[in-house]
PDB file of N, CA and C in Angstrom:
ATOM      1  N   UNK A   1       0.837  -1.180   0.000  1.00  0.00           N
ATOM      2  CA  UNK A   1       0.000   0.000   0.000  1.00  0.00           C
ATOM      3  C   UNK A   1       0.886   1.249   0.000  1.00  0.00           C
ATOM      4  N   UNK A   2       0.566   2.187  -0.842  1.00  0.00           N
ATOM      5  CA  UNK A   2       1.270   3.454  -0.882  1.00  0.00           C
ATOM      6  C   UNK A   2       0.568   4.422   0.062  1.00  0.00           C
ATOM      7  N   UNK A   3       1.302   5.045   0.983  1.00  0.00           N
ATOM      8  CA  UNK A   3       0.657   5.989   1.904  1.00  0.00           C
ATOM      9  C   UNK A   3      -0.001   7.147   1.151  1.00  0.00           C
ATOM     10  N   UNK A   4      -1.087   7.641   1.712  1.00  0.00           N
ATOM     11  CA  UNK A   4      -1.787   8.793   1.137  1.00  0.00           C
ATOM     12  C   UNK A   4      -0.900  10.019   1.189  1.00  0.00           C
ATOM     13  N   UNK A   5      -1.152  10.946   0.285  1.00  0.00           N
ATOM     14  CA  UNK A   5      -0.415  12.206   0.260  1.00  0.00           C
ATOM     15  C   UNK A   5      -0.714  12.987   1.540  1.00  0.00           C
ATOM     16  N   UNK A   6       0.284  13.678   2.050  1.00  0.00           N
ATOM     17  CA  UNK A   6       0.125  14.489   3.259  1.00  0.00           C
ATOM     18  C   UNK A   6      -0.825  15.648   2.962  1.00  0.00           C
ATOM     19  N   UNK A   7      -1.744  15.905   3.877  1.00  0.00           N
ATOM     20  CA  UNK A   7      -2.702  17.007   3.725  1.00  0.00           C
ATOM     21  C   UNK A   7      -1.987  18.353   3.829  1.00  0.00           C
ATOM     22  N   UNK A   8      -2.652  19.445   3.391  1.00  0.00           N
ATOM     23  CA  UNK A   8      -2.032  20.779   3.476  1.00  0.00           C
ATOM     24  C   UNK A   8      -1.677  21.153   4.925  1.00  0.00           C
ATOM     25  N   UNK A   9      -0.664  21.970   5.059  1.00  0.00           N
ATOM     26  CA  UNK A   9      -0.190  22.442   6.360  1.00  0.00           C
ATOM     27  C   UNK A   9      -1.281  23.255   7.051  1.00  0.00           C
ATOM     28  N   UNK A  10      -1.424  23.018   8.373  1.00  0.00           N
ATOM     29  CA  UNK A  10      -2.331  23.826   9.192  1.00  0.00           C
ATOM     30  C   UNK A  10      -1.520  24.465  10.314  1.00  0.00           C
ATOM     31  N   UNK A  11      -2.090  25.461  10.937  1.00  0.00           N
ATOM     32  CA  UNK A  11      -1.388  26.148  12.021  1.00  0.00           C
ATOM     33  C   UNK A  11      -1.507  25.351  13.320  1.00  0.00           C
ATOM     34  N   UNK A  12      -0.530  25.525  14.210  1.00  0.00           N
ATOM     35  CA  UNK A  12      -0.640  24.893  15.524  1.00  0.00           C
ATOM     36  C   UNK A  12      -1.904  25.333  16.265  1.00  0.00           C
ATOM     37  N   UNK A  13      -2.338  26.575  16.043  1.00  0.00           N
ATOM     38  CA  UNK A  13      -3.551  27.074  16.696  1.00  0.00           C
ATOM     39  C   UNK A  13      -4.779  26.283  16.250  1.00  0.00           C
ATOM     40  N   UNK A  14      -4.860  25.976  14.962  1.00  0.00           N
ATOM     41  CA  UNK A  14      -5.984  25.186  14.460  1.00  0.00           C
ATOM     42  C   UNK A  14      -5.949  23.778  15.042  1.00  0.00           C
ATOM     43  N   UNK A  15      -4.789  23.163  15.075  1.00  0.00           N
ATOM     44  CA  UNK A  15      -4.648  21.832  15.650  1.00  0.00           C
ATOM     45  C   UNK A  15      -5.060  21.829  17.122  1.00  0.00           C
ATOM     46  N   UNK A  16      -4.688  22.880  17.858  1.00  0.00           N
ATOM     47  CA  UNK A  16      -5.021  22.963  19.281  1.00  0.00           C
ATOM     48  C   UNK A  16      -6.516  23.097  19.547  1.00  0.00           C
ATOM     49  N   UNK A  17      -7.306  23.412  18.517  1.00  0.00           N
ATOM     50  CA  UNK A  17      -8.761  23.516  18.687  1.00  0.00           C
ATOM     51  C   UNK A  17      -9.432  22.149  18.736  1.00  0.00           C
ATOM     52  N   UNK A  18      -8.752  21.112  18.257  1.00  0.00           N
ATOM     53  CA  UNK A  18      -9.327  19.765  18.255  1.00  0.00           C
ATOM     54  C   UNK A  18      -9.084  19.134  19.621  1.00  0.00           C
ATOM     55  N   UNK A  19     -10.164  18.732  20.287  1.00  0.00           N
ATOM     56  CA  UNK A  19     -10.076  18.140  21.623  1.00  0.00           C
ATOM     57  C   UNK A  19     -10.221  16.626  21.493  1.00  0.00           C
ATOM     58  N   UNK A  20      -9.090  15.920  21.615  1.00  0.00           N
ATOM     59  CA  UNK A  20      -9.070  14.465  21.517  1.00  0.00           C
ATOM     60  C   UNK A  20      -8.825  13.910  22.917  1.00  0.00           C
ATOM     61  N   UNK A  21      -9.728  13.024  23.351  1.00  0.00           N
ATOM     62  CA  UNK A  21      -9.659  12.469  24.708  1.00  0.00           C
ATOM     63  C   UNK A  21      -9.714  10.951  24.689  1.00  0.00           C
ATOM     64  N   UNK A  22      -9.168  10.356  25.728  1.00  0.00           N
ATOM     65  CA  UNK A  22      -9.274   8.917  25.934  1.00  0.00           C
ATOM     66  C   UNK A  22     -10.586   8.632  26.643  1.00  0.00           C
ATOM     67  N   UNK A  23     -11.295   7.619  26.163  1.00  0.00           N
ATOM     68  CA  UNK A  23     -12.516   7.164  26.819  1.00  0.00           C
ATOM     69  C   UNK A  23     -12.577   5.653  26.800  1.00  0.00           C
ATOM     70  N   UNK A  24     -13.240   5.087  27.796  1.00  0.00           N
ATOM     71  CA  UNK A  24     -13.438   3.644  27.846  1.00  0.00           C
ATOM     72  C   UNK A  24     -14.793   3.300  27.248  1.00  0.00           C
ATOM     73  N   UNK A  25     -14.796   2.391  26.293  1.00  0.00           N
ATOM     74  CA  UNK A  25     -16.027   1.951  25.637  1.00  0.00           C
ATOM     75  C   UNK A  25     -16.715   0.969  26.579  1.00  0.00           C
ATOM     76  N   UNK A  26     -17.797   1.417  27.214  1.00  0.00           N
ATOM     77  CA  UNK A  26     -18.490   0.583  28.188  1.00  0.00           C
ATOM     78  C   UNK A  26     -19.466  -0.386  27.539  1.00  0.00           C
ATOM     79  N   UNK A  27     -20.098   0.035  26.439  1.00  0.00           N
ATOM     80  CA  UNK A  27     -21.042  -0.853  25.767  1.00  0.00           C
ATOM     81  C   UNK A  27     -21.116  -0.510  24.285  1.00  0.00           C
ATOM     82  N   UNK A  28     -21.477  -1.512  23.501  1.00  0.00           N
ATOM     83  CA  UNK A  28     -21.687  -1.364  22.064  1.00  0.00           C
ATOM     84  C   UNK A  28     -23.061  -1.956  21.775  1.00  0.00           C
ATOM     85  N   UNK A  29     -23.935  -1.154  21.181  1.00  0.00           N
ATOM     86  CA  UNK A  29     -25.254  -1.684  20.824  1.00  0.00           C
ATOM     87  C   UNK A  29     -25.574  -1.326  19.382  1.00  0.00           C
ATOM     88  N   UNK A  30     -26.450  -2.117  18.809  1.00  0.00           N
ATOM     89  CA  UNK A  30     -26.864  -1.931  17.435  1.00  0.00           C
ATOM     90  C   UNK A  30     -27.747  -0.682  17.313  1.00  0.00           C
ATOM     91  N   UNK A  31     -27.618   0.036  16.212  1.00  0.00           N
ATOM     92  CA  UNK A  31     -28.549   1.115  15.872  1.00  0.00           C
ATOM     93  C   UNK A  31     -29.474   0.511  14.823  1.00  0.00           C
ATOM     94  N   UNK A  32     -30.699   0.228  15.220  1.00  0.00           N
ATOM     95  CA  UNK A  32     -31.608  -0.557  14.384  1.00  0.00           C
ATOM     96  C   UNK A  32     -31.976   0.106  13.073  1.00  0.00           C
ATOM     97  N   UNK A  33     -31.980   1.425  12.998  1.00  0.00           N
ATOM     98  CA  UNK A  33     -32.361   2.129  11.770  1.00  0.00           C
ATOM     99  C   UNK A  33     -31.191   2.359  10.831  1.00  0.00           C
ATOM    100  N   UNK A  34     -30.059   1.677  11.052  1.00  0.00           N
ATOM    101  CA  UNK A  34     -28.866   1.909  10.241  1.00  0.00           C
ATOM    102  C   UNK A  34     -28.199   0.596   9.853  1.00  0.00           C
ATOM    103  N   UNK A  35     -27.662   0.564   8.634  1.00  0.00           N
ATOM    104  CA  UNK A  35     -26.919  -0.607   8.177  1.00  0.00           C
ATOM    105  C   UNK A  35     -25.453  -0.563   8.584  1.00  0.00           C
ATOM    106  N   UNK A  36     -24.973   0.599   9.039  1.00  0.00           N
ATOM    107  CA  UNK A  36     -23.553   0.675   9.390  1.00  0.00           C
ATOM    108  C   UNK A  36     -23.254   1.213  10.780  1.00  0.00           C
ATOM    109  N   UNK A  37     -24.178   1.937  11.421  1.00  0.00           N
ATOM    110  CA  UNK A  37     -23.891   2.554  12.714  1.00  0.00           C
ATOM    111  C   UNK A  37     -24.086   1.610  13.899  1.00  0.00           C
ATOM    112  N   UNK A  38     -23.208   1.760  14.885  1.00  0.00           N
ATOM    113  CA  UNK A  38     -23.399   1.171  16.209  1.00  0.00           C
ATOM    114  C   UNK A  38     -23.310   2.310  17.215  1.00  0.00           C
ATOM    115  N   UNK A  39     -23.909   2.122  18.386  1.00  0.00           N
ATOM    116  CA  UNK A  39     -23.879   3.141  19.442  1.00  0.00           C
ATOM    117  C   UNK A  39     -22.910   2.695  20.525  1.00  0.00           C
ATOM    118  N   UNK A  40     -21.877   3.492  20.733  1.00  0.00           N
ATOM    119  CA  UNK A  40     -20.920   3.243  21.809  1.00  0.00           C
ATOM    120  C   UNK A  40     -21.302   4.100  23.002  1.00  0.00           C
ATOM    121  N   UNK A  41     -21.323   3.519  24.190  1.00  0.00           N
ATOM    122  CA  UNK A  41     -21.467   4.309  25.420  1.00  0.00           C
ATOM    123  C   UNK A  41     -20.056   4.427  25.962  1.00  0.00           C
ATOM    124  N   UNK A  42     -19.561   5.673  26.050  1.00  0.00           N
ATOM    125  CA  UNK A  42     -18.156   5.916  26.358  1.00  0.00           C
ATOM    126  C   UNK A  42     -18.034   6.714  27.650  1.00  0.00           C
ATOM    127  N   UNK A  43     -17.156   6.243  28.538  1.00  0.00           N
ATOM    128  CA  UNK A  43     -16.893   6.906  29.814  1.00  0.00           C
ATOM    129  C   UNK A  43     -15.669   7.799  29.654  1.00  0.00           C
ATOM    130  N   UNK A  44     -15.863   9.105  29.899  1.00  0.00           N
ATOM    131  CA  UNK A  44     -14.763  10.070  29.841  1.00  0.00           C
ATOM    132  C   UNK A  44     -14.351  10.546  31.231  1.00  0.00           C
ATOM    133  N   UNK A  45     -14.634   9.752  32.236  1.00  0.00           N
ATOM    134  CA  UNK A  45     -14.211  10.081  33.592  1.00  0.00           C
ATOM    135  C   UNK A  45     -15.232  10.896  34.343  1.00  0.00           C
ATOM    136  N   UNK A  46     -15.448  12.143  33.914  1.00  0.00           N
ATOM    137  CA  UNK A  46     -16.406  13.011  34.603  1.00  0.00           C
ATOM    138  C   UNK A  46     -17.789  12.988  33.947  1.00  0.00           C
ATOM    139  N   UNK A  47     -17.917  12.302  32.817  1.00  0.00           N
ATOM    140  CA  UNK A  47     -19.211  12.178  32.137  1.00  0.00           C
ATOM    141  C   UNK A  47     -19.161  11.037  31.124  1.00  0.00           C
ATOM    142  N   UNK A  48     -20.328  10.643  30.649  1.00  0.00           N
ATOM    143  CA  UNK A  48     -20.437   9.603  29.631  1.00  0.00           C
ATOM    144  C   UNK A  48     -21.148  10.180  28.420  1.00  0.00           C
ATOM    145  N   UNK A  49     -20.820   9.638  27.248  1.00  0.00           N
ATOM    146  CA  UNK A  49     -21.426  10.090  25.994  1.00  0.00           C
ATOM    147  C   UNK A  49     -21.749   8.902  25.109  1.00  0.00           C
ATOM    148  N   UNK A  50     -22.650   9.163  24.157  1.00  0.00           N
ATOM    149  CA  UNK A  50     -22.933   8.201  23.098  1.00  0.00           C
ATOM    150  C   UNK A  50     -22.227   8.674  21.838  1.00  0.00           C
ATOM    151  N   UNK A  51     -21.485   7.777  21.202  1.00  0.00           N
ATOM    152  CA  UNK A  51     -20.773   8.068  19.962  1.00  0.00           C
ATOM    153  C   UNK A  51     -21.184   7.006  18.948  1.00  0.00           C
ATOM    154  N   UNK A  52     -21.490   7.443  17.724  1.00  0.00           N
ATOM    155  CA  UNK A  52     -21.995   6.541  16.690  1.00  0.00           C
ATOM    156  C   UNK A  52     -20.996   6.365  15.539  1.00  0.00           C
ATOM    157  N   UNK A  53     -20.097   5.398  15.637  1.00  0.00           N
ATOM    158  CA  UNK A  53     -19.217   5.133  14.494  1.00  0.00           C
ATOM    159  C   UNK A  53     -19.894   4.181  13.501  1.00  0.00           C
ATOM    160  N   UNK A  54     -19.498   4.276  12.255  1.00  0.00           N
ATOM    161  CA  UNK A  54     -20.039   3.402  11.219  1.00  0.00           C
ATOM    162  C   UNK A  54     -19.251   2.118  11.103  1.00  0.00           C
ATOM    163  N   UNK A  55     -19.250   1.298  12.151  1.00  0.00           N
ATOM    164  CA  UNK A  55     -18.405   0.100  12.149  1.00  0.00           C
ATOM    165  C   UNK A  55     -19.175  -1.216  12.090  1.00  0.00           C
ATOM    166  N   UNK A  56     -20.476  -1.153  11.867  1.00  0.00           N
ATOM    167  CA  UNK A  56     -21.269  -2.385  11.877  1.00  0.00           C
ATOM    168  C   UNK A  56     -20.771  -3.401  10.849  1.00  0.00           C
ATOM    169  N   UNK A  57     -20.375  -2.946   9.675  1.00  0.00           N
ATOM    170  CA  UNK A  57     -19.909  -3.850   8.613  1.00  0.00           C
ATOM    171  C   UNK A  57     -18.412  -4.128   8.697  1.00  0.00           C
ATOM    172  N   UNK A  58     -17.702  -3.413   9.552  1.00  0.00           N
ATOM    173  CA  UNK A  58     -16.244  -3.530   9.618  1.00  0.00           C
ATOM    174  C   UNK A  58     -15.767  -4.650  10.525  1.00  0.00           C
ATOM    175  N   UNK A  59     -16.616  -5.102  11.414  1.00  0.00           N
ATOM    176  CA  UNK A  59     -16.234  -6.128  12.383  1.00  0.00           C
ATOM    177  C   UNK A  59     -17.313  -7.200  12.446  1.00  0.00           C
ATOM    178  N   UNK A  60     -16.879  -8.449  12.551  1.00  0.00           N
ATOM    179  CA  UNK A  60     -17.840  -9.539  12.691  1.00  0.00           C
ATOM    180  C   UNK A  60     -18.617  -9.380  13.997  1.00  0.00           C
ATOM    181  N   UNK A  61     -17.935  -8.909  15.042  1.00  0.00           N
ATOM    182  CA  UNK A  61     -18.561  -8.712  16.344  1.00  0.00           C
ATOM    183  C   UNK A  61     -18.130  -7.352  16.902  1.00  0.00           C
ATOM    184  N   UNK A  62     -18.895  -6.292  16.638  1.00  0.00           N
ATOM    185  CA  UNK A  62     -18.511  -4.975  17.154  1.00  0.00           C
ATOM    186  C   UNK A  62     -18.372  -4.925  18.682  1.00  0.00           C
ATOM    187  N   UNK A  63     -19.031  -5.835  19.389  1.00  0.00           N
ATOM    188  CA  UNK A  63     -18.952  -5.817  20.857  1.00  0.00           C
ATOM    189  C   UNK A  63     -17.571  -6.211  21.379  1.00  0.00           C
ATOM    190  N   UNK A  64     -16.673  -6.684  20.483  1.00  0.00           N
ATOM    191  CA  UNK A  64     -15.331  -7.071  20.908  1.00  0.00           C
ATOM    192  C   UNK A  64     -14.519  -5.889  21.439  1.00  0.00           C
ATOM    193  N   UNK A  65     -14.971  -4.664  21.167  1.00  0.00           N
ATOM    194  CA  UNK A  65     -14.221  -3.494  21.652  1.00  0.00           C
ATOM    195  C   UNK A  65     -14.723  -2.998  23.013  1.00  0.00           C
ATOM    196  N   UNK A  66     -15.754  -3.636  23.569  1.00  0.00           N
ATOM    197  CA  UNK A  66     -16.232  -3.241  24.900  1.00  0.00           C
ATOM    198  C   UNK A  66     -15.109  -3.399  25.913  1.00  0.00           C
ATOM    199  N   UNK A  67     -14.975  -2.414  26.794  1.00  0.00           N
ATOM    200  CA  UNK A  67     -13.956  -2.442  27.831  1.00  0.00           C
ATOM    201  C   UNK A  67     -12.622  -1.866  27.397  1.00  0.00           C
ATOM    202  N   UNK A  68     -12.467  -1.538  26.122  1.00  0.00           N
ATOM    203  CA  UNK A  68     -11.204  -0.985  25.623  1.00  0.00           C
ATOM    204  C   UNK A  68     -11.218   0.535  25.663  1.00  0.00           C
ATOM    205  N   UNK A  69     -10.045   1.090  25.857  1.00  0.00           N
ATOM    206  CA  UNK A  69      -9.892   2.534  25.761  1.00  0.00           C
ATOM    207  C   UNK A  69      -9.568   2.892  24.320  1.00  0.00           C
ATOM    208  N   UNK A  70     -10.029   4.065  23.895  1.00  0.00           N
ATOM    209  CA  UNK A  70      -9.750   4.548  22.549  1.00  0.00           C
ATOM    210  C   UNK A  70      -9.734   6.066  22.574  1.00  0.00           C
ATOM    211  N   UNK A  71      -9.326   6.661  21.450  1.00  0.00           N
ATOM    212  CA  UNK A  71      -9.300   8.111  21.306  1.00  0.00           C
ATOM    213  C   UNK A  71     -10.582   8.579  20.617  1.00  0.00           C
ATOM    214  N   UNK A  72     -11.108   9.702  21.099  1.00  0.00           N
ATOM    215  CA  UNK A  72     -12.332  10.286  20.568  1.00  0.00           C
ATOM    216  C   UNK A  72     -12.169  11.795  20.421  1.00  0.00           C
ATOM    217  N   UNK A  73     -12.731  12.364  19.363  1.00  0.00           N
ATOM    218  CA  UNK A  73     -12.835  13.816  19.230  1.00  0.00           C
ATOM    219  C   UNK A  73     -14.112  14.192  19.982  1.00  0.00           C
ATOM    220  N   UNK A  74     -13.985  15.067  20.998  1.00  0.00           N
ATOM    221  CA  UNK A  74     -15.130  15.352  21.874  1.00  0.00           C
ATOM    222  C   UNK A  74     -15.726  16.748  21.697  1.00  0.00           C
ATOM    223  N   UNK A  75     -15.126  17.588  20.860  1.00  0.00           N
ATOM    224  CA  UNK A  75     -15.668  18.943  20.731  1.00  0.00           C
ATOM    225  C   UNK A  75     -16.311  19.198  19.371  1.00  0.00           C
ATOM    226  N   UNK A  76     -16.989  18.187  18.848  1.00  0.00           N
ATOM    227  CA  UNK A  76     -17.811  18.354  17.654  1.00  0.00           C
ATOM    228  C   UNK A  76     -19.252  18.612  18.091  1.00  0.00           C
ATOM    229  N   UNK A  77     -20.048  19.299  17.272  1.00  0.00           N
ATOM    230  CA  UNK A  77     -21.443  19.502  17.663  1.00  0.00           C
ATOM    231  C   UNK A  77     -22.192  18.173  17.636  1.00  0.00           C
ATOM    232  N   UNK A  78     -23.167  17.980  18.544  1.00  0.00           N
ATOM    233  CA  UNK A  78     -23.979  16.761  18.503  1.00  0.00           C
ATOM    234  C   UNK A  78     -24.642  16.632  17.136  1.00  0.00           C
ATOM    235  N   UNK A  79     -24.755  15.372  16.681  1.00  0.00           N
ATOM    236  CA  UNK A  79     -25.318  15.128  15.351  1.00  0.00           C
ATOM    237  C   UNK A  79     -26.282  13.947  15.422  1.00  0.00           C
ATOM    238  N   UNK A  80     -27.509  14.167  14.969  1.00  0.00           N
ATOM    239  CA  UNK A  80     -28.505  13.102  14.981  1.00  0.00           C
ATOM    240  C   UNK A  80     -28.365  12.256  13.717  1.00  0.00           C
ATOM    241  N   UNK A  81     -28.210  10.942  13.915  1.00  0.00           N
ATOM    242  CA  UNK A  81     -28.076  10.000  12.809  1.00  0.00           C
ATOM    243  C   UNK A  81     -28.946   8.782  13.121  1.00  0.00           C
ATOM    244  N   UNK A  82     -29.778   8.386  12.173  1.00  0.00           N
ATOM    245  CA  UNK A  82     -30.656   7.216  12.331  1.00  0.00           C
ATOM    246  C   UNK A  82     -31.464   7.301  13.620  1.00  0.00           C
ATOM    247  N   UNK A  83     -31.877   8.516  13.981  1.00  0.00           N
ATOM    248  CA  UNK A  83     -32.713   8.719  15.157  1.00  0.00           C
ATOM    249  C   UNK A  83     -31.977   8.754  16.483  1.00  0.00           C
ATOM    250  N   UNK A  84     -30.645   8.685  16.473  1.00  0.00           N
ATOM    251  CA  UNK A  84     -29.844   8.695  17.703  1.00  0.00           C
ATOM    252  C   UNK A  84     -28.842   9.840  17.605  1.00  0.00           C
ATOM    253  N   UNK A  85     -28.578  10.516  18.725  1.00  0.00           N
ATOM    254  CA  UNK A  85     -27.633  11.636  18.737  1.00  0.00           C
ATOM    255  C   UNK A  85     -26.230  11.137  19.067  1.00  0.00           C
ATOM    256  N   UNK A  86     -25.272  11.508  18.214  1.00  0.00           N
ATOM    257  CA  UNK A  86     -23.863  11.201  18.450  1.00  0.00           C
ATOM    258  C   UNK A  86     -23.216  12.432  19.052  1.00  0.00           C
ATOM    259  N   UNK A  87     -22.425  12.214  20.113  1.00  0.00           N
ATOM    260  CA  UNK A  87     -21.803  13.313  20.851  1.00  0.00           C
ATOM    261  C   UNK A  87     -20.282  13.293  20.746  1.00  0.00           C
ATOM    262  N   UNK A  88     -19.772  12.916  19.580  1.00  0.00           N
ATOM    263  CA  UNK A  88     -18.335  12.878  19.378  1.00  0.00           C
ATOM    264  C   UNK A  88     -18.013  11.996  18.194  1.00  0.00           C
ATOM    265  N   UNK A  89     -16.714  11.733  18.009  1.00  0.00           N
ATOM    266  CA  UNK A  89     -16.276  10.904  16.897  1.00  0.00           C
ATOM    267  C   UNK A  89     -15.160   9.978  17.359  1.00  0.00           C
ATOM    268  N   UNK A  90     -15.292   8.695  17.042  1.00  0.00           N
ATOM    269  CA  UNK A  90     -14.229   7.743  17.307  1.00  0.00           C
ATOM    270  C   UNK A  90     -13.059   8.091  16.389  1.00  0.00           C
ATOM    271  N   UNK A  91     -11.886   8.189  16.948  1.00  0.00           N
ATOM    272  CA  UNK A  91     -10.677   8.513  16.194  1.00  0.00           C
ATOM    273  C   UNK A  91     -10.018   7.177  15.860  1.00  0.00           C
ATOM    274  N   UNK A  92     -10.354   6.617  14.689  1.00  0.00           N
ATOM    275  CA  UNK A  92      -9.809   5.303  14.354  1.00  0.00           C
ATOM    276  C   UNK A  92      -8.735   5.409  13.271  1.00  0.00           C
ATOM    277  N   UNK A  93      -8.145   4.275  12.953  1.00  0.00           N
ATOM    278  CA  UNK A  93      -7.026   4.221  12.006  1.00  0.00           C
ATOM    279  C   UNK A  93      -7.390   3.287  10.861  1.00  0.00           C
ATOM    280  N   UNK A  94      -7.217   3.734   9.622  1.00  0.00           N
ATOM    281  CA  UNK A  94      -7.332   2.861   8.478  1.00  0.00           C
ATOM    282  C   UNK A  94      -8.492   3.092   7.544  1.00  0.00           C
ATOM    283  N   UNK A  95      -9.622   3.605   8.031  1.00  0.00           N
ATOM    284  CA  UNK A  95     -10.815   3.738   7.200  1.00  0.00           C
ATOM    285  C   UNK A  95     -10.545   4.548   5.942  1.00  0.00           C
ATOM    286  N   UNK A  96      -9.928   5.702   6.077  1.00  0.00           N
ATOM    287  CA  UNK A  96      -9.664   6.582   4.934  1.00  0.00           C
ATOM    288  C   UNK A  96      -8.719   5.945   3.910  1.00  0.00           C
ATOM    289  N   UNK A  97      -7.966   4.938   4.320  1.00  0.00           N
ATOM    290  CA  UNK A  97      -7.033   4.270   3.423  1.00  0.00           C
ATOM    291  C   UNK A  97      -7.584   2.956   2.865  1.00  0.00           C
ATOM    292  N   UNK A  98      -8.854   2.691   3.155  1.00  0.00           N
ATOM    293  CA  UNK A  98      -9.488   1.512   2.592  1.00  0.00           C
ATOM    294  C   UNK A  98      -9.083   0.199   3.229  1.00  0.00           C
ATOM    295  N   UNK A  99      -8.553   0.259   4.440  1.00  0.00           N
ATOM    296  CA  UNK A  99      -8.249  -0.983   5.159  1.00  0.00           C
ATOM    297  C   UNK A  99      -9.202  -1.103   6.343  1.00  0.00           C
ATOM    298  N   UNK A 100      -9.336  -2.302   6.864  1.00  0.00           N
ATOM    299  CA  UNK A 100     -10.229  -2.508   8.008  1.00  0.00           C
ATOM    300  C   UNK A 100      -9.740  -1.659   9.172  1.00  0.00           C
ATOM    301  N   UNK A 101     -10.572  -0.742   9.662  1.00  0.00           N
ATOM    302  CA  UNK A 101     -10.151   0.153  10.737  1.00  0.00           C
ATOM    303  C   UNK A 101      -9.824  -0.567  12.047  1.00  0.00           C
ATOM    304  N   UNK A 102      -8.908   0.033  12.771  1.00  0.00           N
ATOM    305  CA  UNK A 102      -8.545  -0.416  14.114  1.00  0.00           C
ATOM    306  C   UNK A 102      -8.651   0.792  15.041  1.00  0.00           C
ATOM    307  N   UNK A 103      -8.776   0.528  16.325  1.00  0.00           N
ATOM    308  CA  UNK A 103      -8.868   1.612  17.297  1.00  0.00           C
ATOM    309  C   UNK A 103      -7.527   2.315  17.468  1.00  0.00           C
ATOM    310  N   UNK A 104      -7.576   3.626  17.615  1.00  0.00           N
ATOM    311  CA  UNK A 104      -6.414   4.392  18.058  1.00  0.00           C
ATOM    312  C   UNK A 104      -6.516   4.391  19.583  1.00  0.00           C
ATOM    313  N   UNK A 105      -5.553   3.769  20.230  1.00  0.00           N
ATOM    314  CA  UNK A 105      -5.673   3.588  21.671  1.00  0.00           C
ATOM    315  C   UNK A 105      -4.339   3.757  22.384  1.00  0.00           C
ATOM    316  N   UNK A 106      -4.397   4.125  23.686  1.00  0.00           N
ATOM    317  CA  UNK A 106      -3.155   4.261  24.445  1.00  0.00           C
ATOM    318  C   UNK A 106      -2.474   2.912  24.622  1.00  0.00           C
ATOM    319  N   UNK A 107      -1.156   2.916  24.712  1.00  0.00           N
ATOM    320  CA  UNK A 107      -0.416   1.666  24.863  1.00  0.00           C
ATOM    321  C   UNK A 107      -0.607   1.036  26.233  1.00  0.00           C
ATOM    322  N   UNK A 108      -1.001   1.834  27.218  1.00  0.00           N
ATOM    323  CA  UNK A 108      -1.343   1.295  28.533  1.00  0.00           C
ATOM    324  C   UNK A 108      -2.502   2.121  29.092  1.00  0.00           C
ATOM    325  N   UNK A 109      -3.161   1.597  30.103  1.00  0.00           N
ATOM    326  CA  UNK A 109      -4.329   2.241  30.690  1.00  0.00           C
ATOM    327  C   UNK A 109      -3.965   3.632  31.237  1.00  0.00           C
ATOM    328  N   UNK A 110      -4.813   4.616  30.921  1.00  0.00           N
ATOM    329  CA  UNK A 110      -4.674   5.973  31.453  1.00  0.00           C
ATOM    330  C   UNK A 110      -6.045   6.393  31.968  1.00  0.00           C
ATOM    331  N   UNK A 111      -6.121   7.432  32.795  1.00  0.00           N
ATOM    332  CA  UNK A 111      -7.438   7.857  33.285  1.00  0.00           C
ATOM    333  C   UNK A 111      -8.349   8.302  32.136  1.00  0.00           C
ATOM    334  N   UNK A 112      -9.612   7.898  32.191  1.00  0.00           N
ATOM    335  CA  UNK A 112     -10.585   8.354  31.196  1.00  0.00           C
ATOM    336  C   UNK A 112     -10.650   9.876  31.224  1.00  0.00           C
ATOM    337  N   UNK A 113     -10.734  10.474  30.036  1.00  0.00           N
ATOM    338  CA  UNK A 113     -10.765  11.924  29.910  1.00  0.00           C
ATOM    339  C   UNK A 113      -9.397  12.540  29.664  1.00  0.00           C
ATOM    340  N   UNK A 114      -8.326  11.716  29.708  1.00  0.00           N
ATOM    341  CA  UNK A 114      -6.988  12.229  29.439  1.00  0.00           C
ATOM    342  C   UNK A 114      -6.916  12.776  28.023  1.00  0.00           C
ATOM    343  N   UNK A 115      -6.306  13.948  27.872  1.00  0.00           N
ATOM    344  CA  UNK A 115      -6.203  14.604  26.554  1.00  0.00           C
ATOM    345  C   UNK A 115      -5.051  14.044  25.744  1.00  0.00           C
ATOM    346  N   UNK A 116      -5.238  13.973  24.433  1.00  0.00           N
ATOM    347  CA  UNK A 116      -4.174  13.587  23.515  1.00  0.00           C
ATOM    348  C   UNK A 116      -3.635  14.857  22.876  1.00  0.00           C
ATOM    349  N   UNK A 117      -2.370  14.835  22.512  1.00  0.00           N
ATOM    350  CA  UNK A 117      -1.793  15.989  21.829  1.00  0.00           C
ATOM    351  C   UNK A 117      -0.676  16.614  22.587  1.00  0.00           C
TER     352      UNK A 117
END
């Protein structure tokens, strides 16, 4: 696989506006009105959120990620999809390059809500 071309340069100030946090995926449930969405219940330490990634077709068993920590973008506006509100975005690896996505996750356990960057 040839790596994708590097995106245009952005300022450090723009990068600092993206809030990426570690959260523990407590549960994964099906979104019945969608062929690709699942609902993750994610613990960020001081609060919990629902995040809707399109991973239903990417994994034989999406529930295999329950209990794992991963990176999430937490400062996006809430977005209603298939009748459910998503309150963030799973920061995964591989989807944009056409390979089966994997979680972006810390190498060892850290407190939920820890910032990346």
